[in-house]
PDB file of N, CA and C in Angstrom:
ATOM      1  N   MET A   1      10.168  -1.817  12.086  1.00  0.00           N
ATOM      2  CA  MET A   1       9.849  -1.216  10.809  1.00  0.00           C
ATOM      3  C   MET A   1       8.341  -1.137  10.704  1.00  0.00           C
ATOM      4  N   ARG A   2       7.861  -0.268   9.842  1.00  0.00           N
ATOM      5  CA  ARG A   2       6.431  -0.055   9.649  1.00  0.00           C
ATOM      6  C   ARG A   2       6.103  -0.177   8.165  1.00  0.00           C
ATOM      7  N   PHE A   3       5.040  -0.943   7.855  1.00  0.00           N
ATOM      8  CA  PHE A   3       4.551  -1.085   6.485  1.00  0.00           C
ATOM      9  C   PHE A   3       3.388  -0.122   6.324  1.00  0.00           C
ATOM     10  N   VAL A   4       3.474   0.736   5.306  1.00  0.00           N
ATOM     11  CA  VAL A   4       2.427   1.727   5.059  1.00  0.00           C
ATOM     12  C   VAL A   4       1.874   1.523   3.652  1.00  0.00           C
ATOM     13  N   LEU A   5       0.556   1.360   3.560  1.00  0.00           N
ATOM     14  CA  LEU A   5      -0.123   1.254   2.277  1.00  0.00           C
ATOM     15  C   LEU A   5      -1.077   2.429   2.183  1.00  0.00           C
ATOM     16  N   ASP A   6      -0.853   3.291   1.205  1.00  0.00           N
ATOM     17  CA  ASP A   6      -1.685   4.473   1.006  1.00  0.00           C
ATOM     18  C   ASP A   6      -2.306   4.369  -0.375  1.00  0.00           C
ATOM     19  N   VAL A   7      -3.629   4.174  -0.409  1.00  0.00           N
ATOM     20  CA  VAL A   7      -4.337   3.972  -1.665  1.00  0.00           C
ATOM     21  C   VAL A   7      -5.478   4.971  -1.756  1.00  0.00           C
ATOM     22  N   HIS A   8      -5.599   5.621  -2.899  1.00  0.00           N
ATOM     23  CA  HIS A   8      -6.682   6.575  -3.146  1.00  0.00           C
ATOM     24  C   HIS A   8      -7.886   5.836  -3.714  1.00  0.00           C
ATOM     25  N   VAL A   9      -9.022   5.992  -3.056  1.00  0.00           N
ATOM     26  CA  VAL A   9     -10.281   5.455  -3.551  1.00  0.00           C
ATOM     27  C   VAL A   9     -11.171   6.661  -3.852  1.00  0.00           C
ATOM     28  N   PRO A  10     -11.558   6.860  -5.092  1.00  0.00           N
ATOM     29  CA  PRO A  10     -12.387   8.021  -5.430  1.00  0.00           C
ATOM     30  C   PRO A  10     -13.674   8.044  -4.608  1.00  0.00           C
ATOM     31  N   ASP A  11     -14.054   9.227  -4.154  1.00  0.00           N
ATOM     32  CA  ASP A  11     -15.267   9.390  -3.349  1.00  0.00           C
ATOM     33  C   ASP A  11     -16.516   8.920  -4.078  1.00  0.00           C
ATOM     34  N   ASP A  12     -16.514   9.043  -5.391  1.00  0.00           N
ATOM     35  CA  ASP A  12     -17.704   8.668  -6.153  1.00  0.00           C
ATOM     36  C   ASP A  12     -17.680   7.226  -6.660  1.00  0.00           C
ATOM     37  N   ALA A  13     -16.695   6.443  -6.227  1.00  0.00           N
ATOM     38  CA  ALA A  13     -16.617   5.046  -6.655  1.00  0.00           C
ATOM     39  C   ALA A  13     -17.708   4.240  -5.953  1.00  0.00           C
ATOM     40  N   PRO A  14     -18.431   3.417  -6.688  1.00  0.00           N
ATOM     41  CA  PRO A  14     -19.420   2.541  -6.041  1.00  0.00           C
ATOM     42  C   PRO A  14     -18.710   1.643  -5.023  1.00  0.00           C
ATOM     43  N   ALA A  15     -19.345   1.399  -3.892  1.00  0.00           N
ATOM     44  CA  ALA A  15     -18.727   0.628  -2.813  1.00  0.00           C
ATOM     45  C   ALA A  15     -18.236  -0.729  -3.305  1.00  0.00           C
ATOM     46  N   GLU A  16     -19.020  -1.403  -4.125  1.00  0.00           N
ATOM     47  CA  GLU A  16     -18.634  -2.725  -4.623  1.00  0.00           C
ATOM     48  C   GLU A  16     -17.352  -2.654  -5.454  1.00  0.00           C
ATOM     49  N   GLU A  17     -17.240  -1.626  -6.274  1.00  0.00           N
ATOM     50  CA  GLU A  17     -16.043  -1.457  -7.112  1.00  0.00           C
ATOM     51  C   GLU A  17     -14.834  -1.109  -6.246  1.00  0.00           C
ATOM     52  N   ALA A  18     -15.030  -0.261  -5.235  1.00  0.00           N
ATOM     53  CA  ALA A  18     -13.933   0.109  -4.338  1.00  0.00           C
ATOM     54  C   ALA A  18     -13.401  -1.123  -3.609  1.00  0.00           C
ATOM     55  N   VAL A  19     -14.288  -1.955  -3.104  1.00  0.00           N
ATOM     56  CA  VAL A  19     -13.875  -3.177  -2.408  1.00  0.00           C
ATOM     57  C   VAL A  19     -13.114  -4.093  -3.362  1.00  0.00           C
ATOM     58  N   LYS A  20     -13.612  -4.231  -4.566  1.00  0.00           N
ATOM     59  CA  LYS A  20     -12.963  -5.087  -5.571  1.00  0.00           C
ATOM     60  C   LYS A  20     -11.541  -4.606  -5.868  1.00  0.00           C
ATOM     61  N   GLU A  21     -11.363  -3.303  -6.077  1.00  0.00           N
ATOM     62  CA  GLU A  21     -10.036  -2.761  -6.395  1.00  0.00           C
ATOM     63  C   GLU A  21      -9.092  -2.851  -5.197  1.00  0.00           C
ATOM     64  N   LEU A  22      -9.580  -2.548  -3.998  1.00  0.00           N
ATOM     65  CA  LEU A  22      -8.721  -2.647  -2.814  1.00  0.00           C
ATOM     66  C   LEU A  22      -8.302  -4.095  -2.563  1.00  0.00           C
ATOM     67  N   SER A  23      -9.232  -5.017  -2.725  1.00  0.00           N
ATOM     68  CA  SER A  23      -8.911  -6.433  -2.547  1.00  0.00           C
ATOM     69  C   SER A  23      -7.847  -6.876  -3.540  1.00  0.00           C
ATOM     70  N   ARG A  24      -7.991  -6.448  -4.780  1.00  0.00           N
ATOM     71  CA  ARG A  24      -7.017  -6.804  -5.808  1.00  0.00           C
ATOM     72  C   ARG A  24      -5.640  -6.249  -5.459  1.00  0.00           C
ATOM     73  N   ALA A  25      -5.584  -4.976  -5.065  1.00  0.00           N
ATOM     74  CA  ALA A  25      -4.304  -4.352  -4.719  1.00  0.00           C
ATOM     75  C   ALA A  25      -3.645  -5.082  -3.550  1.00  0.00           C
ATOM     76  N   LEU A  26      -4.410  -5.423  -2.532  1.00  0.00           N
ATOM     77  CA  LEU A  26      -3.839  -6.118  -1.378  1.00  0.00           C
ATOM     78  C   LEU A  26      -3.327  -7.510  -1.749  1.00  0.00           C
ATOM     79  N   ARG A  27      -4.090  -8.244  -2.531  1.00  0.00           N
ATOM     80  CA  ARG A  27      -3.645  -9.580  -2.955  1.00  0.00           C
ATOM     81  C   ARG A  27      -2.373  -9.493  -3.789  1.00  0.00           C
ATOM     82  N   TYR A  28      -2.361  -8.573  -4.744  1.00  0.00           N
ATOM     83  CA  TYR A  28      -1.230  -8.451  -5.655  1.00  0.00           C
ATOM     84  C   TYR A  28       0.051  -8.088  -4.904  1.00  0.00           C
ATOM     85  N   TRP A  29       0.000  -7.062  -4.071  1.00  0.00           N
ATOM     86  CA  TRP A  29       1.211  -6.609  -3.396  1.00  0.00           C
ATOM     87  C   TRP A  29       1.629  -7.535  -2.277  1.00  0.00           C
ATOM     88  N   ALA A  30       0.677  -8.170  -1.603  1.00  0.00           N
ATOM     89  CA  ALA A  30       1.048  -9.154  -0.582  1.00  0.00           C
ATOM     90  C   ALA A  30       1.794 -10.315  -1.237  1.00  0.00           C
ATOM     91  N   GLY A  31       1.349 -10.718  -2.401  1.00  0.00           N
ATOM     92  CA  GLY A  31       1.996 -11.820  -3.102  1.00  0.00           C
ATOM     93  C   GLY A  31       3.349 -11.474  -3.673  1.00  0.00           C
ATOM     94  N   ASN A  32       3.632 -10.191  -3.855  1.00  0.00           N
ATOM     95  CA  ASN A  32       4.898  -9.771  -4.460  1.00  0.00           C
ATOM     96  C   ASN A  32       5.917  -9.232  -3.467  1.00  0.00           C
ATOM     97  N   LEU A  33       5.571  -9.161  -2.203  1.00  0.00           N
ATOM     98  CA  LEU A  33       6.503  -8.594  -1.230  1.00  0.00           C
ATOM     99  C   LEU A  33       7.825  -9.349  -1.175  1.00  0.00           C
ATOM    100  N   HIS A  34       7.808 -10.641  -1.490  1.00  0.00           N
ATOM    101  CA  HIS A  34       9.057 -11.407  -1.425  1.00  0.00           C
ATOM    102  C   HIS A  34      10.079 -10.938  -2.458  1.00  0.00           C
ATOM    103  N   HIS A  35       9.677 -10.112  -3.405  1.00  0.00           N
ATOM    104  CA  HIS A  35      10.596  -9.587  -4.415  1.00  0.00           C
ATOM    105  C   HIS A  35      11.351  -8.344  -3.931  1.00  0.00           C
ATOM    106  N   TYR A  36      11.007  -7.832  -2.766  1.00  0.00           N
ATOM    107  CA  TYR A  36      11.576  -6.576  -2.281  1.00  0.00           C
ATOM    108  C   TYR A  36      12.348  -6.795  -0.987  1.00  0.00           C
ATOM    109  N   PRO A  37      13.416  -6.032  -0.787  1.00  0.00           N
ATOM    110  CA  PRO A  37      14.111  -6.119   0.499  1.00  0.00           C
ATOM    111  C   PRO A  37      13.217  -5.492   1.575  1.00  0.00           C
ATOM    112  N   LEU A  38      13.075  -6.176   2.684  1.00  0.00           N
ATOM    113  CA  LEU A  38      12.244  -5.641   3.760  1.00  0.00           C
ATOM    114  C   LEU A  38      13.086  -4.749   4.656  1.00  0.00           C
ATOM    115  N   THR A  39      13.450  -3.609   4.084  1.00  0.00           N
ATOM    116  CA  THR A  39      14.251  -2.622   4.796  1.00  0.00           C
ATOM    117  C   THR A  39      13.603  -1.259   4.628  1.00  0.00           C
ATOM    118  N   PRO A  40      13.786  -0.381   5.618  1.00  0.00           N
ATOM    119  CA  PRO A  40      13.228   0.968   5.477  1.00  0.00           C
ATOM    120  C   PRO A  40      13.677   1.607   4.165  1.00  0.00           C
ATOM    121  N   GLY A  41      12.737   2.227   3.491  1.00  0.00           N
ATOM    122  CA  GLY A  41      13.012   2.858   2.206  1.00  0.00           C
ATOM    123  C   GLY A  41      12.477   2.058   1.030  1.00  0.00           C
ATOM    124  N   SER A  42      12.213   0.768   1.241  1.00  0.00           N
ATOM    125  CA  SER A  42      11.631  -0.034   0.163  1.00  0.00           C
ATOM    126  C   SER A  42      10.205   0.436  -0.083  1.00  0.00           C
ATOM    127  N   GLY A  43       9.755   0.322  -1.310  1.00  0.00           N
ATOM    128  CA  GLY A  43       8.394   0.711  -1.631  1.00  0.00           C
ATOM    129  C   GLY A  43       8.147   0.626  -3.116  1.00  0.00           C
ATOM    130  N   GLU A  44       6.904   0.800  -3.477  1.00  0.00           N
ATOM    131  CA  GLU A  44       6.528   0.682  -4.886  1.00  0.00           C
ATOM    132  C   GLU A  44       5.157   1.305  -5.075  1.00  0.00           C
ATOM    133  N   ALA A  45       4.898   1.739  -6.300  1.00  0.00           N
ATOM    134  CA  ALA A  45       3.571   2.252  -6.644  1.00  0.00           C
ATOM    135  C   ALA A  45       2.569   1.102  -6.648  1.00  0.00           C
ATOM    136  N   VAL A  46       1.305   1.424  -6.378  1.00  0.00           N
ATOM    137  CA  VAL A  46       0.206   0.460  -6.422  1.00  0.00           C
ATOM    138  C   VAL A  46      -0.704   0.883  -7.567  1.00  0.00           C
ATOM    139  N   TYR A  47      -1.106  -0.086  -8.381  1.00  0.00           N
ATOM    140  CA  TYR A  47      -1.923   0.196  -9.560  1.00  0.00           C
ATOM    141  C   TYR A  47      -3.266  -0.510  -9.459  1.00  0.00           C
ATOM    142  N   ASP A  48      -4.286   0.063 -10.091  1.00  0.00           N
ATOM    143  CA  ASP A  48      -5.590  -0.584 -10.140  1.00  0.00           C
ATOM    144  C   ASP A  48      -5.646  -1.528 -11.333  1.00  0.00           C
ATOM    145  N   SER A  49      -6.809  -2.132 -11.555  1.00  0.00           N
ATOM    146  CA  SER A  49      -6.934  -3.107 -12.640  1.00  0.00           C
ATOM    147  C   SER A  49      -6.809  -2.475 -14.022  1.00  0.00           C
ATOM    148  N   GLY A  50      -6.934  -1.139 -14.110  1.00  0.00           N
ATOM    149  CA  GLY A  50      -6.725  -0.437 -15.371  1.00  0.00           C
ATOM    150  C   GLY A  50      -5.303   0.083 -15.514  1.00  0.00           C
ATOM    151  N   TYR A  51      -4.400  -0.382 -14.628  1.00  0.00           N
ATOM    152  CA  TYR A  51      -2.984   0.006 -14.623  1.00  0.00           C
ATOM    153  C   TYR A  51      -2.785   1.500 -14.388  1.00  0.00           C
ATOM    154  N   ARG A  52      -3.694   2.095 -13.628  1.00  0.00           N
ATOM    155  CA  ARG A  52      -3.545   3.493 -13.202  1.00  0.00           C
ATOM    156  C   ARG A  52      -2.973   3.488 -11.790  1.00  0.00           C
ATOM    157  N   GLU A  53      -2.003   4.361 -11.547  1.00  0.00           N
ATOM    158  CA  GLU A  53      -1.418   4.434 -10.215  1.00  0.00           C
ATOM    159  C   GLU A  53      -2.461   4.975  -9.238  1.00  0.00           C
ATOM    160  N   ILE A  54      -2.691   4.222  -8.152  1.00  0.00           N
ATOM    161  CA  ILE A  54      -3.698   4.630  -7.171  1.00  0.00           C
ATOM    162  C   ILE A  54      -3.098   4.829  -5.779  1.00  0.00           C
ATOM    163  N   GLY A  55      -1.815   4.580  -5.645  1.00  0.00           N
ATOM    164  CA  GLY A  55      -1.200   4.755  -4.332  1.00  0.00           C
ATOM    165  C   GLY A  55       0.208   4.216  -4.303  1.00  0.00           C
ATOM    166  N   ARG A  56       0.645   3.915  -3.082  1.00  0.00           N
ATOM    167  CA  ARG A  56       2.027   3.486  -2.884  1.00  0.00           C
ATOM    168  C   ARG A  56       2.117   2.718  -1.571  1.00  0.00           C
ATOM    169  N   TRP A  57       3.005   1.738  -1.529  1.00  0.00           N
ATOM    170  CA  TRP A  57       3.344   1.122  -0.259  1.00  0.00           C
ATOM    171  C   TRP A  57       4.798   1.436   0.030  1.00  0.00           C
ATOM    172  N   THR A  58       5.119   1.556   1.297  1.00  0.00           N
ATOM    173  CA  THR A  58       6.490   1.841   1.708  1.00  0.00           C
ATOM    174  C   THR A  58       6.786   1.150   3.034  1.00  0.00           C
ATOM    175  N   LEU A  59       8.044   0.898   3.251  1.00  0.00           N
ATOM    176  CA  LEU A  59       8.524   0.448   4.542  1.00  0.00           C
ATOM    177  C   LEU A  59       9.314   1.594   5.147  1.00  0.00           C
ATOM    178  N   THR A  60       9.006   1.920   6.366  1.00  0.00           N
ATOM    179  CA  THR A  60       9.699   3.003   7.051  1.00  0.00           C
ATOM    180  C   THR A  60      10.262   2.480   8.365  1.00  0.00           C
ATOM    181  N   ALA A  61      11.181   3.220   8.926  1.00  0.00           N
ATOM    182  CA  ALA A  61      11.701   2.871  10.247  1.00  0.00           C
ATOM    183  C   ALA A  61      10.605   3.102  11.271  1.00  0.00           C
ATOM    184  N   SER A  62      10.523   2.242  12.253  1.00  0.00           N
ATOM    185  CA  SER A  62       9.539   2.427  13.313  1.00  0.00           C
ATOM    186  C   SER A  62       9.910   3.667  14.118  1.00  0.00           C
ATOM    187  N   PRO A  63       8.913   4.466  14.470  1.00  0.00           N
ATOM    188  CA  PRO A  63       9.229   5.622  15.307  1.00  0.00           C
ATOM    189  C   PRO A  63       9.651   5.157  16.699  1.00  0.00           C
ATOM    190  N   ASP A  64      10.503   5.932  17.323  1.00  0.00           N
ATOM    191  CA  ASP A  64      10.950   5.632  18.681  1.00  0.00           C
ATOM    192  C   ASP A  64       9.792   5.963  19.634  1.00  0.00           C
ATOM    193  N   PRO A  65       9.184   4.963  20.289  1.00  0.00           N
ATOM    194  CA  PRO A  65       8.038   5.243  21.154  1.00  0.00           C
ATOM    195  C   PRO A  65       8.362   6.171  22.310  1.00  0.00           C
ATOM    196  N   GLU A  66       9.628   6.204  22.758  1.00  0.00           N
ATOM    197  CA  GLU A  66      10.005   7.088  23.858  1.00  0.00           C
ATOM    198  C   GLU A  66      10.129   8.530  23.400  1.00  0.00           C
ATOM    199  N   ALA A  67      10.374   8.765  22.116  1.00  0.00           N
ATOM    200  CA  ALA A  67      10.520  10.130  21.601  1.00  0.00           C
ATOM    201  C   ALA A  67       9.187  10.842  21.530  1.00  0.00           C
ATOM    202  N   ALA A  68       8.091  10.087  21.430  1.00  0.00           N
ATOM    203  CA  ALA A  68       6.766  10.704  21.302  1.00  0.00           C
ATOM    204  C   ALA A  68       6.265  11.250  22.629  1.00  0.00           C
ATOM    205  N   GLY A  69       6.793  10.786  23.735  1.00  0.00           N
ATOM    206  CA  GLY A  69       6.247  11.087  25.047  1.00  0.00           C
ATOM    207  C   GLY A  69       6.548  12.387  25.594  1.00  0.00           C
TER     208      GLY A  69
END
């Protein structure tokens, strides 16, 4: 299975603020993963400290490495 975290960071966000928000999102969702089944299709929206949706995490099936070749 593959864990995918896709988070939008505005281009004009100060670097310090971007790091702060990304760190918060990673801590929050890492701490809450035990609430979700670790199966392909699981996922949830990711929110910033202002409770605005900034992305999503999902679990997907791992691609077949032999199919890519």
